C-alpha atoms as a PDB file:
ATOM      1  CA  MET A   1       8.289  23.073 -39.249  1.00  0.00           C
ATOM      2  CA  SER A   2      11.417  24.568 -38.249  1.00  0.00           C
ATOM      3  CA  PHE A   3      10.108  26.124 -34.911  1.00  0.00           C
ATOM      4  CA  VAL A   4       8.543  22.394 -34.167  1.00  0.00           C
ATOM      5  CA  LEU A   5      11.919  20.465 -34.706  1.00  0.00           C
ATOM      6  CA  ALA A   6      13.716  23.119 -32.488  1.00  0.00           C
ATOM      7  CA  ALA A   7      10.952  22.388 -30.212  1.00  0.00           C
ATOM      8  CA  LEU A   8      11.347  18.476 -30.193  1.00  0.00           C
ATOM      9  CA  CYS A   9      15.065  18.880 -30.544  1.00  0.00           C
ATOM     10  CA  LEU A  10      15.073  20.675 -27.276  1.00  0.00           C
ATOM     11  CA  LEU A  11      12.878  18.374 -25.439  1.00  0.00           C
ATOM     12  CA  ALA A  12      14.934  15.971 -26.500  1.00  0.00           C
ATOM     13  CA  ALA A  13      18.361  17.731 -24.884  1.00  0.00           C
ATOM     14  CA  VAL A  14      16.018  18.261 -21.529  1.00  0.00           C
ATOM     15  CA  ALA A  15      14.976  14.499 -21.641  1.00  0.00           C
ATOM     16  CA  SER A  16      18.761  13.506 -21.871  1.00  0.00           C
ATOM     17  CA  ALA A  17      19.583  16.147 -19.416  1.00  0.00           C
ATOM     18  CA  GLU A  18      17.397  14.329 -16.351  1.00  0.00           C
ATOM     19  CA  ILE A  19      19.369  10.689 -16.720  1.00  0.00           C
ATOM     20  CA  GLU A  20      22.605  10.776 -15.268  1.00  0.00           C
ATOM     21  CA  THR A  21      24.884   8.051 -16.703  1.00  0.00           C
ATOM     22  CA  LYS A  22      28.433   6.444 -15.707  1.00  0.00           C
ATOM     23  CA  THR A  23      30.753   3.964 -15.553  1.00  0.00           C
ATOM     24  CA  ILE A  24      31.654   2.359 -12.706  1.00  0.00           C
ATOM     25  CA  GLU A  25      34.127   0.495 -11.499  1.00  0.00           C
ATOM     26  CA  TYR A  26      33.523  -2.122  -8.294  1.00  0.00           C
ATOM     27  CA  LYS A  27      35.216  -5.659  -7.237  1.00  0.00           C
ATOM     28  CA  ASP A  28      34.172  -9.018  -6.364  1.00  0.00           C
ATOM     29  CA  GLY A  29      37.254 -10.074  -4.220  1.00  0.00           C
ATOM     30  CA  ASP A  30      40.540  -9.053  -6.394  1.00  0.00           C
ATOM     31  CA  VAL A  31      38.404  -8.908  -9.575  1.00  0.00           C
ATOM     32  CA  VAL A  32      37.805  -5.767 -10.873  1.00  0.00           C
ATOM     33  CA  LEU A  33      34.188  -5.497 -13.219  1.00  0.00           C
ATOM     34  CA  GLU A  34      33.338  -2.728 -14.862  1.00  0.00           C
ATOM     35  CA  GLY A  35      29.567  -1.558 -14.700  1.00  0.00           C
ATOM     36  CA  TYR A  36      27.262   1.280 -15.614  1.00  0.00           C
ATOM     37  CA  VAL A  37      24.562   3.649 -13.916  1.00  0.00           C
ATOM     38  CA  ALA A  38      21.961   5.439 -15.217  1.00  0.00           C
ATOM     39  CA  ARG A  39      19.694   7.447 -12.727  1.00  0.00           C
ATOM     40  CA  PRO A  40      16.923  10.262 -12.242  1.00  0.00           C
ATOM     41  CA  GLU A  41      18.251  13.417 -11.790  1.00  0.00           C
ATOM     42  CA  GLY A  42      16.802  14.611  -8.298  1.00  0.00           C
ATOM     43  CA  GLN A  43      16.136  13.100  -5.112  1.00  0.00           C
ATOM     44  CA  GLY A  44      15.709   9.661  -4.042  1.00  0.00           C
ATOM     45  CA  PRO A  45      14.871   7.091  -2.578  1.00  0.00           C
ATOM     46  CA  ARG A  46      14.226   5.680  -5.978  1.00  0.00           C
ATOM     47  CA  PRO A  47      13.333   1.908  -6.396  1.00  0.00           C
ATOM     48  CA  GLY A  48      16.591   0.127  -8.007  1.00  0.00           C
ATOM     49  CA  VAL A  49      17.335  -2.808 -10.732  1.00  0.00           C
ATOM     50  CA  LEU A  50      19.833  -4.589 -11.388  1.00  0.00           C
ATOM     51  CA  ILE A  51      20.482  -5.752 -15.240  1.00  0.00           C
ATOM     52  CA  VAL A  52      22.111  -8.622 -16.298  1.00  0.00           C
ATOM     53  CA  HIS A  53      23.565  -8.716 -19.606  1.00  0.00           C
ATOM     54  CA  GLN A  54      23.890 -11.317 -22.587  1.00  0.00           C
ATOM     55  CA  TRP A  55      26.435 -14.008 -23.638  1.00  0.00           C
ATOM     56  CA  LYS A  56      28.602 -11.092 -25.201  1.00  0.00           C
ATOM     57  CA  GLY A  57      29.281  -8.939 -21.897  1.00  0.00           C
ATOM     58  CA  LEU A  58      27.960  -5.744 -20.710  1.00  0.00           C
ATOM     59  CA  GLY A  59      27.772  -3.398 -24.123  1.00  0.00           C
ATOM     60  CA  ASP A  60      25.200  -0.738 -25.881  1.00  0.00           C
ATOM     61  CA  PHE A  61      21.798  -2.921 -25.330  1.00  0.00           C
ATOM     62  CA  GLU A  62      22.572  -3.310 -21.929  1.00  0.00           C
ATOM     63  CA  LYS A  63      23.101   0.499 -21.701  1.00  0.00           C
ATOM     64  CA  GLY A  64      20.333   1.542 -23.083  1.00  0.00           C
ATOM     65  CA  LYS A  65      17.956  -0.558 -21.186  1.00  0.00           C
ATOM     66  CA  ALA A  66      19.557   1.084 -18.090  1.00  0.00           C
ATOM     67  CA  ARG A  67      18.609   4.478 -19.605  1.00  0.00           C
ATOM     68  CA  ALA A  68      15.116   3.502 -20.329  1.00  0.00           C
ATOM     69  CA  LEU A  69      14.797   2.159 -16.906  1.00  0.00           C
ATOM     70  CA  ALA A  70      16.211   5.386 -15.777  1.00  0.00           C
ATOM     71  CA  GLU A  71      13.434   7.210 -17.594  1.00  0.00           C
ATOM     72  CA  LEU A  72      10.744   5.608 -15.712  1.00  0.00           C
ATOM     73  CA  GLY A  73      12.243   6.549 -12.266  1.00  0.00           C
ATOM     74  CA  TYR A  74      14.396   3.763 -11.571  1.00  0.00           C
ATOM     75  CA  VAL A  75      18.091   3.218 -10.723  1.00  0.00           C
ATOM     76  CA  ALA A  76      19.436   0.847 -12.907  1.00  0.00           C
ATOM     77  CA  PHE A  77      22.366  -0.504 -12.365  1.00  0.00           C
ATOM     78  CA  ALA A  78      23.570  -3.166 -15.709  1.00  0.00           C
ATOM     79  CA  VAL A  79      26.807  -5.071 -13.897  1.00  0.00           C
ATOM     80  CA  ASP A  80      29.505  -7.094 -15.496  1.00  0.00           C
ATOM     81  CA  ILE A  81      29.868 -10.456 -14.655  1.00  0.00           C
ATOM     82  CA  TYR A  82      32.749 -11.203 -16.877  1.00  0.00           C
ATOM     83  CA  GLY A  83      35.458  -8.981 -15.402  1.00  0.00           C
ATOM     84  CA  LYS A  84      36.564  -5.517 -16.464  1.00  0.00           C
ATOM     85  CA  GLY A  85      38.146  -5.402 -20.448  1.00  0.00           C
ATOM     86  CA  VAL A  86      35.997  -8.993 -20.908  1.00  0.00           C
ATOM     87  CA  ARG A  87      34.217  -8.536 -24.069  1.00  0.00           C
ATOM     88  CA  PRO A  88      33.803 -11.538 -26.317  1.00  0.00           C
ATOM     89  CA  LYS A  89      34.260 -10.330 -29.933  1.00  0.00           C
ATOM     90  CA  ASP A  90      32.297 -13.460 -31.501  1.00  0.00           C
ATOM     91  CA  ALA A  91      30.126 -16.247 -30.456  1.00  0.00           C
ATOM     92  CA  ASN A  92      32.925 -18.774 -29.618  1.00  0.00           C
ATOM     93  CA  GLU A  93      34.252 -16.347 -26.975  1.00  0.00           C
ATOM     94  CA  ALA A  94      30.931 -15.970 -25.751  1.00  0.00           C
ATOM     95  CA  ARG A  95      29.994 -19.259 -25.643  1.00  0.00           C
ATOM     96  CA  GLU A  96      33.372 -20.107 -23.459  1.00  0.00           C
ATOM     97  CA  GLN A  97      32.966 -17.070 -21.328  1.00  0.00           C
ATOM     98  CA  ALA A  98      29.469 -17.934 -21.039  1.00  0.00           C
ATOM     99  CA  GLY A  99      29.682 -21.584 -20.139  1.00  0.00           C
ATOM    100  CA  LYS A 100      32.174 -20.797 -17.354  1.00  0.00           C
ATOM    101  CA  TYR A 101      29.043 -19.345 -15.427  1.00  0.00           C
ATOM    102  CA  ARG A 102      26.071 -20.977 -16.825  1.00  0.00           C
ATOM    103  CA  GLY A 103      27.354 -24.324 -17.289  1.00  0.00           C
ATOM    104  CA  GLY A 104      30.355 -24.134 -14.969  1.00  0.00           C
ATOM    105  CA  ASP A 105      30.545 -22.661 -11.655  1.00  0.00           C
ATOM    106  CA  ARG A 106      26.915 -21.662 -10.627  1.00  0.00           C
ATOM    107  CA  LYS A 107      28.366 -20.712  -7.524  1.00  0.00           C
ATOM    108  CA  LEU A 108      31.076 -18.003  -9.409  1.00  0.00           C
ATOM    109  CA  PHE A 109      27.609 -16.959 -10.878  1.00  0.00           C
ATOM    110  CA  ARG A 110      25.927 -15.976  -8.088  1.00  0.00           C
ATOM    111  CA  GLN A 111      29.151 -14.688  -6.443  1.00  0.00           C
ATOM    112  CA  ARG A 112      29.233 -11.788  -8.953  1.00  0.00           C
ATOM    113  CA  LEU A 113      25.470 -11.417  -9.431  1.00  0.00           C
ATOM    114  CA  LEU A 114      25.634 -10.816  -5.370  1.00  0.00           C
ATOM    115  CA  ALA A 115      28.723  -8.292  -6.141  1.00  0.00           C
ATOM    116  CA  GLY A 116      26.685  -6.094  -8.584  1.00  0.00           C
ATOM    117  CA  LEU A 117      23.674  -6.019  -6.023  1.00  0.00           C
ATOM    118  CA  GLU A 118      25.592  -4.943  -3.113  1.00  0.00           C
ATOM    119  CA  ARG A 119      27.195  -2.193  -5.346  1.00  0.00           C
ATOM    120  CA  LEU A 120      23.617  -1.046  -6.452  1.00  0.00           C
ATOM    121  CA  LYS A 121      22.251  -0.953  -3.091  1.00  0.00           C
ATOM    122  CA  LYS A 122      25.085   1.604  -2.222  1.00  0.00           C
ATOM    123  CA  PHE A 123      24.717   4.187  -4.717  1.00  0.00           C
ATOM    124  CA  GLU A 124      22.927   7.076  -3.625  1.00  0.00           C
ATOM    125  CA  GLY A 125      19.239   7.763  -3.910  1.00  0.00           C
ATOM    126  CA  VAL A 126      18.460   4.181  -3.860  1.00  0.00           C
ATOM    127  CA  ASP A 127      16.213   2.473  -1.637  1.00  0.00           C
ATOM    128  CA  ALA A 128      17.716  -0.837  -0.972  1.00  0.00           C
ATOM    129  CA  LYS A 129      14.583  -2.531   0.126  1.00  0.00           C
ATOM    130  CA  ARG A 130      13.096  -2.120  -3.311  1.00  0.00           C
ATOM    131  CA  ILE A 131      15.136  -3.671  -5.596  1.00  0.00           C
ATOM    132  CA  GLY A 132      14.348  -5.698  -8.570  1.00  0.00           C
ATOM    133  CA  ALA A 133      16.879  -7.680 -11.373  1.00  0.00           C
ATOM    134  CA  ILE A 134      16.298  -8.170 -15.251  1.00  0.00           C
ATOM    135  CA  GLY A 135      18.161 -10.002 -17.533  1.00  0.00           C
ATOM    136  CA  PHE A 136      18.808 -11.274 -21.024  1.00  0.00           C
ATOM    137  CA  CYS A 137      19.996 -14.590 -22.486  1.00  0.00           C
ATOM    138  CA  PHE A 138      22.729 -15.409 -20.504  1.00  0.00           C
ATOM    139  CA  GLY A 139      21.093 -12.456 -17.941  1.00  0.00           C
ATOM    140  CA  GLY A 140      17.783 -13.931 -18.096  1.00  0.00           C
ATOM    141  CA  THR A 141      19.367 -17.389 -16.651  1.00  0.00           C
ATOM    142  CA  GLY A 142      21.726 -15.197 -14.522  1.00  0.00           C
ATOM    143  CA  VAL A 143      18.359 -13.410 -12.670  1.00  0.00           C
ATOM    144  CA  LEU A 144      16.658 -16.949 -11.788  1.00  0.00           C
ATOM    145  CA  GLU A 145      20.071 -17.700 -10.297  1.00  0.00           C
ATOM    146  CA  LEU A 146      20.159 -14.350  -8.396  1.00  0.00           C
ATOM    147  CA  ALA A 147      16.489 -15.271  -7.440  1.00  0.00           C
ATOM    148  CA  ARG A 148      17.455 -18.999  -6.151  1.00  0.00           C
ATOM    149  CA  SER A 149      20.542 -17.541  -4.132  1.00  0.00           C
ATOM    150  CA  GLY A 150      17.612 -16.071  -1.640  1.00  0.00           C
ATOM    151  CA  ALA A 151      18.907 -12.821  -2.727  1.00  0.00           C
ATOM    152  CA  ASP A 152      16.634  -9.696  -0.723  1.00  0.00           C
ATOM    153  CA  ILE A 153      14.846  -8.406  -4.012  1.00  0.00           C
ATOM    154  CA  ARG A 154      11.467  -7.550  -4.471  1.00  0.00           C
ATOM    155  CA  GLY A 155      11.429  -9.159  -8.121  1.00  0.00           C
ATOM    156  CA  VAL A 156      13.812 -10.360 -11.136  1.00  0.00           C
ATOM    157  CA  VAL A 157      12.669 -10.246 -14.933  1.00  0.00           C
ATOM    158  CA  SER A 158      14.234 -13.029 -16.969  1.00  0.00           C
ATOM    159  CA  PHE A 159      13.879 -12.243 -21.145  1.00  0.00           C
ATOM    160  CA  HIS A 160      14.398 -15.493 -23.073  1.00  0.00           C
ATOM    161  CA  GLY A 161      16.884 -16.979 -20.713  1.00  0.00           C
ATOM    162  CA  GLY A 162      17.827 -20.178 -19.900  1.00  0.00           C
ATOM    163  CA  LEU A 163      15.335 -21.694 -17.133  1.00  0.00           C
ATOM    164  CA  GLY A 164      17.684 -24.935 -15.951  1.00  0.00           C
ATOM    165  CA  THR A 165      19.547 -25.139 -12.958  1.00  0.00           C
ATOM    166  CA  PRO A 166      21.882 -27.684 -11.320  1.00  0.00           C
ATOM    167  CA  ASN A 167      20.493 -26.995  -7.823  1.00  0.00           C
ATOM    168  CA  PRO A 168      16.201 -26.504  -8.705  1.00  0.00           C
ATOM    169  CA  GLU A 169      15.816 -27.589  -4.586  1.00  0.00           C
ATOM    170  CA  ASP A 170      17.332 -23.945  -4.238  1.00  0.00           C
ATOM    171  CA  ALA A 171      14.145 -22.902  -5.408  1.00  0.00           C
ATOM    172  CA  LYS A 172      12.979 -23.384  -1.666  1.00  0.00           C
ATOM    173  CA  ASN A 173      15.607 -20.129  -0.584  1.00  0.00           C
ATOM    174  CA  ILE A 174      13.333 -17.788  -3.223  1.00  0.00           C
ATOM    175  CA  ARG A 175      11.962 -14.629  -1.529  1.00  0.00           C
ATOM    176  CA  CYS A 176      11.053 -12.602  -4.585  1.00  0.00           C
ATOM    177  CA  LYS A 177       8.502 -12.500  -7.241  1.00  0.00           C
ATOM    178  CA  VAL A 178       9.581 -14.316 -10.743  1.00  0.00           C
ATOM    179  CA  CYS A 179       8.562 -13.515 -14.111  1.00  0.00           C
ATOM    180  CA  VAL A 180       9.488 -14.976 -17.042  1.00  0.00           C
ATOM    181  CA  CYS A 181       9.190 -13.687 -20.450  1.00  0.00           C
ATOM    182  CA  HIS A 182       9.826 -16.844 -23.348  1.00  0.00           C
ATOM    183  CA  GLY A 183      10.151 -17.159 -26.862  1.00  0.00           C
ATOM    184  CA  ALA A 184       7.331 -19.592 -27.118  1.00  0.00           C
ATOM    185  CA  ASP A 185       8.982 -20.915 -30.390  1.00  0.00           C
ATOM    186  CA  ASP A 186      12.648 -20.936 -28.631  1.00  0.00           C
ATOM    187  CA  PRO A 187      14.855 -23.833 -29.586  1.00  0.00           C
ATOM    188  CA  HIS A 188      17.606 -22.907 -27.053  1.00  0.00           C
ATOM    189  CA  VAL A 189      14.748 -23.419 -23.990  1.00  0.00           C
ATOM    190  CA  PRO A 190      12.966 -27.378 -25.136  1.00  0.00           C
ATOM    191  CA  ASP A 191       9.200 -27.342 -23.476  1.00  0.00           C
ATOM    192  CA  ASP A 192      10.982 -29.926 -20.997  1.00  0.00           C
ATOM    193  CA  GLU A 193      12.729 -27.374 -19.595  1.00  0.00           C
ATOM    194  CA  VAL A 194      10.048 -25.245 -19.283  1.00  0.00           C
ATOM    195  CA  LEU A 195       8.177 -27.862 -17.995  1.00  0.00           C
ATOM    196  CA  ALA A 196      10.466 -28.501 -15.550  1.00  0.00           C
ATOM    197  CA  PHE A 197      11.017 -24.946 -14.197  1.00  0.00           C
ATOM    198  CA  MET A 198       7.582 -24.631 -13.894  1.00  0.00           C
ATOM    199  CA  GLN A 199       7.331 -27.680 -11.519  1.00  0.00           C
ATOM    200  CA  GLU A 200      10.179 -26.150  -9.671  1.00  0.00           C
ATOM    201  CA  MET A 201       8.269 -23.158  -9.026  1.00  0.00           C
ATOM    202  CA  ARG A 202       4.614 -25.279  -8.353  1.00  0.00           C
ATOM    203  CA  ASP A 203       7.058 -27.033  -5.603  1.00  0.00           C
ATOM    204  CA  ALA A 204       8.991 -24.616  -3.786  1.00  0.00           C
ATOM    205  CA  LYS A 205       5.113 -22.527  -3.898  1.00  0.00           C
ATOM    206  CA  VAL A 206       7.106 -19.335  -5.476  1.00  0.00           C
ATOM    207  CA  ASP A 207       4.942 -16.227  -6.723  1.00  0.00           C
ATOM    208  CA  TRP A 208       5.703 -16.528 -10.444  1.00  0.00           C
ATOM    209  CA  GLN A 209       4.419 -15.807 -13.490  1.00  0.00           C
ATOM    210  CA  PHE A 210       5.228 -16.836 -16.877  1.00  0.00           C
ATOM    211  CA  HIS A 211       4.837 -15.432 -20.267  1.00  0.00           C
ATOM    212  CA  ALA A 212       4.947 -17.229 -24.080  1.00  0.00           C
ATOM    213  CA  TYR A 213       5.090 -15.182 -26.831  1.00  0.00           C
ATOM    214  CA  GLY A 214       4.034 -16.746 -30.148  1.00  0.00           C
ATOM    215  CA  GLY A 215       6.226 -16.747 -33.201  1.00  0.00           C
ATOM    216  CA  ALA A 216       9.067 -15.449 -30.857  1.00  0.00           C
ATOM    217  CA  VAL A 217      12.130 -17.443 -30.518  1.00  0.00           C
ATOM    218  CA  HIS A 218      15.802 -16.587 -29.039  1.00  0.00           C
ATOM    219  CA  SER A 219      16.887 -12.947 -28.254  1.00  0.00           C
ATOM    220  CA  PHE A 220      13.733 -11.592 -29.474  1.00  0.00           C
ATOM    221  CA  THR A 221      14.481  -8.266 -27.523  1.00  0.00           C
ATOM    222  CA  ASP A 222      17.362  -7.532 -29.495  1.00  0.00           C
ATOM    223  CA  PRO A 223      17.385  -5.901 -32.552  1.00  0.00           C
ATOM    224  CA  SER A 224      20.485  -6.938 -33.979  1.00  0.00           C
ATOM    225  CA  ALA A 225      20.201 -10.524 -33.509  1.00  0.00           C
ATOM    226  CA  ASN A 226      19.009 -12.088 -37.288  1.00  0.00           C
ATOM    227  CA  ARG A 227      19.672 -15.963 -36.745  1.00  0.00           C
ATOM    228  CA  PRO A 228      16.505 -18.409 -37.243  1.00  0.00           C
ATOM    229  CA  SER A 229      17.267 -19.770 -33.863  1.00  0.00           C
ATOM    230  CA  ALA A 230      17.871 -15.991 -32.145  1.00  0.00           C
ATOM    231  CA  LYS A 231      16.003 -13.260 -33.765  1.00  0.00           C
ATOM    232  CA  TYR A 232      14.356 -10.009 -33.059  1.00  0.00           C
ATOM    233  CA  HIS A 233      10.977 -10.170 -32.678  1.00  0.00           C
ATOM    234  CA  GLU A 234       8.999  -6.561 -32.221  1.00  0.00           C
ATOM    235  CA  ALA A 235       5.887  -7.647 -30.956  1.00  0.00           C
ATOM    236  CA  ALA A 236       7.208  -9.551 -28.195  1.00  0.00           C
ATOM    237  CA  ASP A 237       9.855  -7.102 -27.647  1.00  0.00           C
ATOM    238  CA  LYS A 238       7.324  -4.658 -26.557  1.00  0.00           C
ATOM    239  CA  ARG A 239       4.550  -6.899 -24.988  1.00  0.00           C
ATOM    240  CA  SER A 240       7.407  -7.768 -22.864  1.00  0.00           C
ATOM    241  CA  TRP A 241       8.760  -4.458 -21.725  1.00  0.00           C
ATOM    242  CA  LYS A 242       4.945  -3.606 -20.948  1.00  0.00           C
ATOM    243  CA  THR A 243       5.097  -7.117 -18.961  1.00  0.00           C
ATOM    244  CA  MET A 244       7.891  -6.044 -16.830  1.00  0.00           C
ATOM    245  CA  ARG A 245       6.663  -2.100 -16.197  1.00  0.00           C
ATOM    246  CA  ALA A 246       3.291  -4.195 -14.706  1.00  0.00           C
ATOM    247  CA  PHE A 247       5.301  -6.571 -12.574  1.00  0.00           C
ATOM    248  CA  PHE A 248       7.431  -3.900 -11.439  1.00  0.00           C
ATOM    249  CA  GLU A 249       4.889  -1.552 -10.660  1.00  0.00           C
ATOM    250  CA  GLU A 250       3.385  -4.499  -8.211  1.00  0.00           C
ATOM    251  CA  ALA A 251       6.930  -5.749  -7.076  1.00  0.00           C
ATOM    252  CA  LEU A 252       8.418  -2.494  -5.948  1.00  0.00           C
ATOM    253  CA  GLY A 253       5.756   0.128  -6.078  1.00  0.00           C
END
């Protein structure tokens, strides 16, 4: 048993050594942002994936997703929308910060997303022609806005994100594939918002897909979520990750 345990520990250490991680400062104009990159060791070029954080800002959850994507062979960059050192401590602060972008200045939201995208493209070993993006909650809204901005990327995946936009006509700018992973019982995204999003995609003739997970509410991928309206759902978490993998295999090659 001790030999088996030692072997498993060795394998874990080797796997960990194969992933390089680093905190990265970059800028949007004069604003300093602080992101997190995870990438496999070895020669590129490799496809890149942008990760947009939840409403409490870039944290351990997004860093874990970056490492998981790196293990799949992608260069993953978890971006910072709020700015270096701006990390909400509670729901009230998170609501205030997220509201500045999601409910307020969508132009600035897109600007911060594009700043992260440009930084990802500049990482050594990244194939700038094979870029995707994923986002969770606030970040799910973000990757859809990134697509609506006309960004030159291959595909976006929104996990339990808001689907509405003040500018639905901007869907005509979308140049990439779109995938939405949605909690079928999410009270934060009402059915009329879902239907409006679907019509937006149809009208713009976007290559899109929509996956709804029965019994899942908001934040179904986040193990720390435990409120009735925002709660972890293991089956939906695993199924949506498999959906993302298949989607990127097609979109990014």
